Amino acid sequence: MTQQVIDFAELQELKHQFSLLNEKLEKQRIVNEDIIKESMKEKLSYIEKWYQYRLRVCGIAGPIVSFVFMARYINEGFGHWGFSLLILLTGLVELYLDRKSYRALDIKNLPNLSMTNATENVAKHKQFRSMTNKVLALPVIVLIVWTILIASHYTWNLPVIAITVFMMGISISWGLYQMKENRKRLEAVLEQIKKLRE
C-alpha cells in the first residue's frame, strides 16, 4: 500500500513536470512563431517600399521629367523630344509591368497563404520580373546611349561620356543589386512560411 502511494505521488510529480515542460514548449513555439512573423514582416515591408518607390517614379516622376524635358527642348528637334517620348513610353510600360509583378506577389496576404499558394505567388512574381527585364532591355539600352549622346552634345567629349557612363553604371548596378536582394528576401519568406506551416 505504501509503495502504491509513493508510485502515485511520483506519477503526479511526473505529470506536473510534463505539464510544465509542455507549457514551456508551447511558449517557446509561440515566441518562435512571433520572431518568424516579425522577420517576414520586415522583409516584405522592404519589398513593399521598393515597389511603392518604383511605382511613384514610373507613374509620377517619369512623366514629369519627360514633359519638362520636352517643353524645354521642343525646338531642338527629334534628338531631344524623341528622347522625351521614349522616357515616357518606357516609364509607362515599366509602370504597367511593375504593377503586374506587385499584384502577382500579393505582399499583404503572402504570410497568411498556404505554402503552395505562397510558392505560386512568388513563382508568378519571378515570371513577371523576368518578363519586365526582357521587355525593358532594349528601350533602356537605347535610353542609355541616347543619354550619353545628349550629355556629350553628340560629340566625342570623352570626359563627359566617361562621367555619364560611370554614373549610369552605378545606378544600374544598384538597381540590379536591389532586385537580387529582393529575390533573396522572398526565398527567405518562403522558408519562414514553410516553418510556420510545419
C-alpha atoms as a PDB file:
ATOM      1  CA  MET A   1       0.000   0.000   0.000  1.00  0.00           C
ATOM      2  CA  THR A   2       2.813   2.395   0.905  1.00  0.00           C
ATOM      3  CA  GLN A   3       4.558   1.555  -2.374  1.00  0.00           C
ATOM      4  CA  GLN A   4       1.374   2.412  -4.308  1.00  0.00           C
ATOM      5  CA  VAL A   5       1.128   5.796  -2.526  1.00  0.00           C
ATOM      6  CA  ILE A   6       4.782   6.527  -3.410  1.00  0.00           C
ATOM      7  CA  ASP A   7       4.220   5.439  -7.035  1.00  0.00           C
ATOM      8  CA  PHE A   8       1.095   7.589  -7.239  1.00  0.00           C
ATOM      9  CA  ALA A   9       2.978  10.606  -5.798  1.00  0.00           C
ATOM     10  CA  GLU A  10       5.811  10.064  -8.303  1.00  0.00           C
ATOM     11  CA  LEU A  11       3.287   9.749 -11.113  1.00  0.00           C
ATOM     12  CA  GLN A  12       1.618  13.012 -10.044  1.00  0.00           C
ATOM     13  CA  GLU A  13       5.023  14.723  -9.904  1.00  0.00           C
ATOM     14  CA  LEU A  14       5.874  13.408 -13.369  1.00  0.00           C
ATOM     15  CA  LYS A  15       2.528  14.649 -14.710  1.00  0.00           C
ATOM     16  CA  HIS A  16       3.166  18.060 -13.147  1.00  0.00           C
ATOM     17  CA  GLN A  17       6.675  18.277 -14.651  1.00  0.00           C
ATOM     18  CA  PHE A  18       5.390  17.091 -18.024  1.00  0.00           C
ATOM     19  CA  SER A  19       2.714  19.779 -17.890  1.00  0.00           C
ATOM     20  CA  LEU A  20       5.338  22.429 -17.078  1.00  0.00           C
ATOM     21  CA  LEU A  21       7.506  21.173 -19.940  1.00  0.00           C
ATOM     22  CA  ASN A  22       4.527  21.357 -22.323  1.00  0.00           C
ATOM     23  CA  GLU A  23       3.812  24.927 -21.204  1.00  0.00           C
ATOM     24  CA  LYS A  24       7.439  25.919 -21.772  1.00  0.00           C
ATOM     25  CA  LEU A  25       7.492  24.276 -25.201  1.00  0.00           C
ATOM     26  CA  GLU A  26       4.227  25.979 -26.154  1.00  0.00           C
ATOM     27  CA  LYS A  27       5.563  29.357 -25.016  1.00  0.00           C
ATOM     28  CA  GLN A  28       8.780  28.720 -26.960  1.00  0.00           C
ATOM     29  CA  ARG A  29       6.762  27.779 -30.059  1.00  0.00           C
ATOM     30  CA  ILE A  30       4.711  30.995 -29.774  1.00  0.00           C
ATOM     31  CA  VAL A  31       7.883  33.066 -29.298  1.00  0.00           C
ATOM     32  CA  ASN A  32       9.494  31.368 -32.325  1.00  0.00           C
ATOM     33  CA  GLU A  33       6.362  31.985 -34.433  1.00  0.00           C
ATOM     34  CA  ASP A  34       6.346  35.642 -33.376  1.00  0.00           C
ATOM     35  CA  ILE A  35      10.032  36.001 -34.302  1.00  0.00           C
ATOM     36  CA  ILE A  36       9.430  34.355 -37.706  1.00  0.00           C
ATOM     37  CA  LYS A  37       6.368  36.533 -38.383  1.00  0.00           C
ATOM     38  CA  GLU A  38       8.288  39.686 -37.415  1.00  0.00           C
ATOM     39  CA  SER A  39      11.165  38.702 -39.713  1.00  0.00           C
ATOM     40  CA  MET A  40       8.726  38.040 -42.579  1.00  0.00           C
ATOM     41  CA  LYS A  41       7.024  41.368 -41.941  1.00  0.00           C
ATOM     42  CA  GLU A  42      10.366  43.198 -42.096  1.00  0.00           C
ATOM     43  CA  LYS A  43      11.412  41.523 -45.367  1.00  0.00           C
ATOM     44  CA  LEU A  44       8.044  42.071 -47.022  1.00  0.00           C
ATOM     45  CA  SER A  45       7.919  45.667 -45.770  1.00  0.00           C
ATOM     46  CA  TYR A  46      11.219  46.352 -47.554  1.00  0.00           C
ATOM     47  CA  ILE A  47       9.878  44.848 -50.813  1.00  0.00           C
ATOM     48  CA  GLU A  48       6.636  46.838 -50.408  1.00  0.00           C
ATOM     49  CA  LYS A  49       8.612  50.108 -50.044  1.00  0.00           C
ATOM     50  CA  TRP A  50      10.757  49.185 -53.058  1.00  0.00           C
ATOM     51  CA  TYR A  51       7.659  48.683 -55.198  1.00  0.00           C
ATOM     52  CA  GLN A  52       5.979  51.849 -53.924  1.00  0.00           C
ATOM     53  CA  TYR A  53       9.113  53.820 -54.847  1.00  0.00           C
ATOM     54  CA  ARG A  54       9.264  52.259 -58.327  1.00  0.00           C
ATOM     55  CA  LEU A  55       5.568  52.865 -58.956  1.00  0.00           C
ATOM     56  CA  ARG A  56       5.912  56.534 -57.937  1.00  0.00           C
ATOM     57  CA  VAL A  57       8.996  57.013 -60.125  1.00  0.00           C
ATOM     58  CA  CYS A  58       7.378  55.392 -63.173  1.00  0.00           C
ATOM     59  CA  GLY A  59       3.912  56.846 -62.653  1.00  0.00           C
ATOM     60  CA  ILE A  60       4.736  60.359 -61.465  1.00  0.00           C
ATOM     61  CA  ALA A  61       8.408  61.313 -61.821  1.00  0.00           C
ATOM     62  CA  GLY A  62       8.881  59.721 -65.274  1.00  0.00           C
ATOM     63  CA  PRO A  63       6.068  61.636 -66.991  1.00  0.00           C
ATOM     64  CA  ILE A  64       7.031  64.900 -65.234  1.00  0.00           C
ATOM     65  CA  VAL A  65      10.685  64.590 -66.315  1.00  0.00           C
ATOM     66  CA  SER A  66       9.596  63.655 -69.821  1.00  0.00           C
ATOM     67  CA  PHE A  67       7.229  66.631 -70.204  1.00  0.00           C
ATOM     68  CA  VAL A  68       9.672  69.121 -68.650  1.00  0.00           C
ATOM     69  CA  PHE A  69      12.454  67.882 -70.919  1.00  0.00           C
ATOM     70  CA  MET A  70      10.156  68.037 -73.951  1.00  0.00           C
ATOM     71  CA  ALA A  71       8.935  71.566 -73.109  1.00  0.00           C
ATOM     72  CA  ARG A  72      12.480  72.789 -72.536  1.00  0.00           C
ATOM     73  CA  TYR A  73      13.891  71.338 -75.742  1.00  0.00           C
ATOM     74  CA  ILE A  74      10.813  71.340 -78.021  1.00  0.00           C
ATOM     75  CA  ASN A  75      12.667  73.414 -80.645  1.00  0.00           C
ATOM     76  CA  GLU A  76      15.749  71.182 -80.589  1.00  0.00           C
ATOM     77  CA  GLY A  77      14.201  68.537 -82.857  1.00  0.00           C
ATOM     78  CA  PHE A  78      13.846  64.783 -82.672  1.00  0.00           C
ATOM     79  CA  GLY A  79      17.156  64.314 -80.857  1.00  0.00           C
ATOM     80  CA  HIS A  80      15.564  65.760 -77.714  1.00  0.00           C
ATOM     81  CA  TRP A  81      11.794  65.365 -77.898  1.00  0.00           C
ATOM     82  CA  GLY A  82      12.127  61.829 -79.263  1.00  0.00           C
ATOM     83  CA  PHE A  83      14.216  61.105 -76.173  1.00  0.00           C
ATOM     84  CA  SER A  84      11.420  62.574 -74.004  1.00  0.00           C
ATOM     85  CA  LEU A  85       8.797  60.391 -75.680  1.00  0.00           C
ATOM     86  CA  LEU A  86      10.949  57.282 -75.212  1.00  0.00           C
ATOM     87  CA  ILE A  87      11.365  58.090 -71.490  1.00  0.00           C
ATOM     88  CA  LEU A  88       7.594  58.491 -71.191  1.00  0.00           C
ATOM     89  CA  LEU A  89       6.766  55.267 -73.059  1.00  0.00           C
ATOM     90  CA  THR A  90       9.423  53.241 -71.209  1.00  0.00           C
ATOM     91  CA  GLY A  91       8.191  54.584 -67.872  1.00  0.00           C
ATOM     92  CA  LEU A  92       4.560  53.710 -68.678  1.00  0.00           C
ATOM     93  CA  VAL A  93       5.470  50.181 -69.801  1.00  0.00           C
ATOM     94  CA  GLU A  94       7.572  49.721 -66.670  1.00  0.00           C
ATOM     95  CA  LEU A  95       4.716  51.037 -64.511  1.00  0.00           C
ATOM     96  CA  TYR A  96       2.309  48.524 -66.067  1.00  0.00           C
ATOM     97  CA  LEU A  97       4.711  45.572 -65.656  1.00  0.00           C
ATOM     98  CA  ASP A  98       5.716  46.552 -62.114  1.00  0.00           C
ATOM     99  CA  ARG A  99       2.059  46.704 -61.097  1.00  0.00           C
ATOM    100  CA  LYS A 100       1.514  43.231 -62.560  1.00  0.00           C
ATOM    101  CA  SER A 101       4.530  41.913 -60.613  1.00  0.00           C
ATOM    102  CA  TYR A 102       3.357  43.599 -57.409  1.00  0.00           C
ATOM    103  CA  ARG A 103      -0.180  42.226 -57.725  1.00  0.00           C
ATOM    104  CA  ALA A 104       1.070  38.717 -58.525  1.00  0.00           C
ATOM    105  CA  LEU A 105       3.110  38.696 -55.329  1.00  0.00           C
ATOM    106  CA  ASP A 106       0.210  39.939 -53.152  1.00  0.00           C
ATOM    107  CA  ILE A 107       2.585  41.100 -50.402  1.00  0.00           C
ATOM    108  CA  LYS A 108      -0.080  41.900 -47.827  1.00  0.00           C
ATOM    109  CA  ASN A 109      -1.621  38.396 -47.902  1.00  0.00           C
ATOM    110  CA  LEU A 110       1.532  36.381 -48.624  1.00  0.00           C
ATOM    111  CA  PRO A 111       2.330  35.443 -44.974  1.00  0.00           C
ATOM    112  CA  ASN A 112      -1.208  34.078 -44.462  1.00  0.00           C
ATOM    113  CA  LEU A 113      -1.235  31.862 -47.562  1.00  0.00           C
ATOM    114  CA  SER A 114      -0.608  28.142 -47.617  1.00  0.00           C
ATOM    115  CA  MET A 115       2.870  27.056 -48.683  1.00  0.00           C
ATOM    116  CA  THR A 116       1.531  26.008 -52.104  1.00  0.00           C
ATOM    117  CA  ASN A 117      -0.231  29.329 -52.770  1.00  0.00           C
ATOM    118  CA  ALA A 118       2.696  31.384 -51.444  1.00  0.00           C
ATOM    119  CA  THR A 119       5.085  29.463 -53.722  1.00  0.00           C
ATOM    120  CA  GLU A 120       2.753  30.017 -56.685  1.00  0.00           C
ATOM    121  CA  ASN A 121       2.622  33.767 -55.979  1.00  0.00           C
ATOM    122  CA  VAL A 122       6.409  34.015 -55.744  1.00  0.00           C
ATOM    123  CA  ALA A 123       6.788  31.971 -58.968  1.00  0.00           C
ATOM    124  CA  LYS A 124       4.343  34.276 -60.813  1.00  0.00           C
ATOM    125  CA  HIS A 125       6.193  37.274 -59.443  1.00  0.00           C
ATOM    126  CA  LYS A 126       9.510  35.897 -60.732  1.00  0.00           C
ATOM    127  CA  GLN A 127       7.975  35.355 -64.176  1.00  0.00           C
ATOM    128  CA  PHE A 128       6.727  38.960 -64.320  1.00  0.00           C
ATOM    129  CA  ARG A 129      10.069  40.322 -63.119  1.00  0.00           C
ATOM    130  CA  SER A 130      11.879  38.264 -65.770  1.00  0.00           C
ATOM    131  CA  MET A 131       9.449  39.437 -68.458  1.00  0.00           C
ATOM    132  CA  THR A 132       9.874  43.061 -67.287  1.00  0.00           C
ATOM    133  CA  ASN A 133      13.661  42.796 -67.586  1.00  0.00           C
ATOM    134  CA  LYS A 134      13.415  41.304 -71.090  1.00  0.00           C
ATOM    135  CA  VAL A 135      10.830  43.805 -72.362  1.00  0.00           C
ATOM    136  CA  LEU A 136      12.713  46.816 -70.982  1.00  0.00           C
ATOM    137  CA  ALA A 137      16.223  45.716 -72.003  1.00  0.00           C
ATOM    138  CA  LEU A 138      16.192  47.290 -75.487  1.00  0.00           C
ATOM    139  CA  PRO A 139      14.490  50.607 -74.549  1.00  0.00           C
ATOM    140  CA  VAL A 140      16.850  51.001 -71.575  1.00  0.00           C
ATOM    141  CA  ILE A 141      19.920  50.395 -73.751  1.00  0.00           C
ATOM    142  CA  VAL A 142      18.631  52.937 -76.297  1.00  0.00           C
ATOM    143  CA  LEU A 143      17.962  55.448 -73.471  1.00  0.00           C
ATOM    144  CA  ILE A 144      21.467  54.929 -72.058  1.00  0.00           C
ATOM    145  CA  VAL A 145      23.110  55.530 -75.445  1.00  0.00           C
ATOM    146  CA  TRP A 146      20.814  58.491 -76.138  1.00  0.00           C
ATOM    147  CA  THR A 147      21.563  59.997 -72.709  1.00  0.00           C
ATOM    148  CA  ILE A 148      25.299  59.746 -73.411  1.00  0.00           C
ATOM    149  CA  LEU A 149      24.830  61.395 -76.824  1.00  0.00           C
ATOM    150  CA  ILE A 150      22.762  64.254 -75.372  1.00  0.00           C
ATOM    151  CA  ALA A 151      25.161  64.755 -72.431  1.00  0.00           C
ATOM    152  CA  SER A 152      28.134  64.961 -74.823  1.00  0.00           C
ATOM    153  CA  HIS A 153      26.183  67.157 -77.321  1.00  0.00           C
ATOM    154  CA  TYR A 154      26.570  64.441 -79.973  1.00  0.00           C
ATOM    155  CA  THR A 155      30.377  64.781 -79.950  1.00  0.00           C
ATOM    156  CA  TRP A 156      33.277  62.634 -78.741  1.00  0.00           C
ATOM    157  CA  ASN A 157      33.619  64.556 -75.476  1.00  0.00           C
ATOM    158  CA  LEU A 158      35.408  61.747 -73.627  1.00  0.00           C
ATOM    159  CA  PRO A 159      35.336  63.233 -70.082  1.00  0.00           C
ATOM    160  CA  VAL A 160      31.560  63.825 -70.278  1.00  0.00           C
ATOM    161  CA  ILE A 161      30.984  60.380 -71.818  1.00  0.00           C
ATOM    162  CA  ALA A 162      33.123  58.718 -69.108  1.00  0.00           C
ATOM    163  CA  ILE A 163      31.322  60.522 -66.247  1.00  0.00           C
ATOM    164  CA  THR A 164      27.886  59.758 -67.743  1.00  0.00           C
ATOM    165  CA  VAL A 165      28.734  56.075 -68.277  1.00  0.00           C
ATOM    166  CA  PHE A 166      30.159  55.848 -64.745  1.00  0.00           C
ATOM    167  CA  MET A 167      27.076  57.419 -63.121  1.00  0.00           C
ATOM    168  CA  MET A 168      24.680  55.293 -65.154  1.00  0.00           C
ATOM    169  CA  GLY A 169      26.736  52.181 -64.368  1.00  0.00           C
ATOM    170  CA  ILE A 170      26.406  52.886 -60.631  1.00  0.00           C
ATOM    171  CA  SER A 171      22.659  53.431 -60.991  1.00  0.00           C
ATOM    172  CA  ILE A 172      22.119  50.221 -62.973  1.00  0.00           C
ATOM    173  CA  SER A 173      24.341  48.190 -60.609  1.00  0.00           C
ATOM    174  CA  TRP A 174      22.402  49.491 -57.602  1.00  0.00           C
ATOM    175  CA  GLY A 175      19.074  48.557 -59.237  1.00  0.00           C
ATOM    176  CA  LEU A 176      20.299  45.034 -60.090  1.00  0.00           C
ATOM    177  CA  TYR A 177      21.638  44.603 -56.558  1.00  0.00           C
ATOM    178  CA  GLN A 178      18.272  45.592 -55.060  1.00  0.00           C
ATOM    179  CA  MET A 179      16.418  43.116 -57.298  1.00  0.00           C
ATOM    180  CA  LYS A 180      18.841  40.351 -56.278  1.00  0.00           C
ATOM    181  CA  GLU A 181      18.324  41.188 -52.583  1.00  0.00           C
ATOM    182  CA  ASN A 182      14.548  41.144 -53.058  1.00  0.00           C
ATOM    183  CA  ARG A 183      14.788  37.662 -54.589  1.00  0.00           C
ATOM    184  CA  LYS A 184      16.758  36.518 -51.528  1.00  0.00           C
ATOM    185  CA  ARG A 185      14.180  38.075 -49.206  1.00  0.00           C
ATOM    186  CA  LEU A 186      11.354  36.267 -50.984  1.00  0.00           C
ATOM    187  CA  GLU A 187      13.184  32.929 -50.760  1.00  0.00           C
ATOM    188  CA  ALA A 188      13.692  33.535 -47.028  1.00  0.00           C
ATOM    189  CA  VAL A 189       9.985  34.390 -46.624  1.00  0.00           C
ATOM    190  CA  LEU A 190       9.020  31.111 -48.336  1.00  0.00           C
ATOM    191  CA  GLU A 191      11.275  29.206 -45.935  1.00  0.00           C
ATOM    192  CA  GLN A 192       9.663  31.002 -42.994  1.00  0.00           C
ATOM    193  CA  ILE A 193       6.155  30.226 -44.270  1.00  0.00           C
ATOM    194  CA  LYS A 194       7.205  26.583 -44.551  1.00  0.00           C
ATOM    195  CA  LYS A 195       8.393  26.593 -40.914  1.00  0.00           C
ATOM    196  CA  LEU A 196       5.135  28.127 -39.736  1.00  0.00           C
ATOM    197  CA  ARG A 197       3.056  25.547 -41.591  1.00  0.00           C
ATOM    198  CA  GLU A 198       5.011  22.531 -40.261  1.00  0.00           C
END
